[in-house]
Amino acid sequence: MVFLKAILLGFNPLILNIWDAKRCIEYLKSRREVDGDRIGMMGLSYGGTYALHCSP
């Protein structure tokens, strides 16, 4: 549903997903028990594109 709403409003859904993922990564880095230098992400097809765009 969010995907369809994004398209109807003229947004690229990939950009919205990347924004969400980057906020999640920021949250993880803020946690004491998480080593922020060792956070990884991988994916296939769309997930690969998504992972690539989420990298710093």
Protein backbone atom coordinates (compact mmCIF):
# COMPACT_ATOMS: atom_id res chain seq x y z
CA MET A 1 0.00 0.00 0.00
CA VAL A 2 2.83 2.42 0.84
CA PHE A 3 4.44 1.59 -2.52
CA LEU A 4 1.27 2.55 -4.41
CA LYS A 5 0.74 5.73 -2.37
CA ALA A 6 4.34 6.78 -3.02
CA ILE A 7 3.89 6.36 -6.76
CA LEU A 8 0.60 8.25 -6.74
CA LEU A 9 2.22 11.12 -4.83
CA GLY A 10 5.15 11.23 -7.27
CA PHE A 11 7.76 9.72 -4.96
CA ASN A 12 10.22 7.00 -5.87
CA PRO A 13 9.48 4.10 -3.47
CA LEU A 14 13.16 3.07 -3.47
CA ILE A 15 14.10 6.46 -2.01
CA LEU A 16 11.55 6.04 0.80
CA ASN A 17 12.89 2.55 1.59
CA ILE A 18 16.47 3.82 1.63
CA TRP A 19 15.50 6.67 3.96
CA ASP A 20 13.90 4.14 6.35
CA ALA A 21 16.94 1.85 6.25
CA LYS A 22 19.36 4.70 6.91
CA ARG A 23 17.30 5.75 9.95
CA CYS A 24 17.46 2.14 11.21
CA ILE A 25 21.24 2.07 10.73
CA GLU A 26 21.58 5.35 12.63
CA TYR A 27 19.55 3.87 15.47
CA LEU A 28 21.70 0.73 15.57
CA LYS A 29 24.88 2.84 15.64
CA SER A 30 23.51 4.77 18.63
CA ARG A 31 23.21 1.57 20.68
CA ARG A 32 26.14 0.78 23.00
CA GLU A 33 25.94 -2.96 22.37
CA VAL A 34 26.27 -2.56 18.57
CA ASP A 35 29.62 -2.06 16.83
CA GLY A 36 28.68 0.54 14.21
CA ASP A 37 31.66 -0.39 12.03
CA ARG A 38 30.39 -3.95 11.61
CA ILE A 39 26.84 -3.40 10.37
CA GLY A 40 26.27 -5.18 7.07
CA MET A 41 23.52 -5.51 4.52
CA MET A 42 23.07 -7.70 1.46
CA GLY A 43 20.35 -8.48 -1.03
CA LEU A 44 19.51 -10.00 -4.39
CA SER A 45 17.88 -8.19 -7.31
CA TYR A 46 15.92 -5.24 -5.85
CA GLY A 47 17.47 -6.02 -2.46
CA GLY A 48 20.95 -5.70 -3.96
CA THR A 49 20.12 -2.27 -5.36
CA TYR A 50 18.59 -1.34 -2.02
CA ALA A 51 21.68 -2.51 -0.08
CA LEU A 52 24.04 -0.66 -2.44
CA HIS A 53 22.18 2.63 -2.00
CA CYS A 54 22.12 2.23 1.80
CA SER A 55 25.89 1.99 2.07
CA PRO A 56 27.78 5.12 3.17
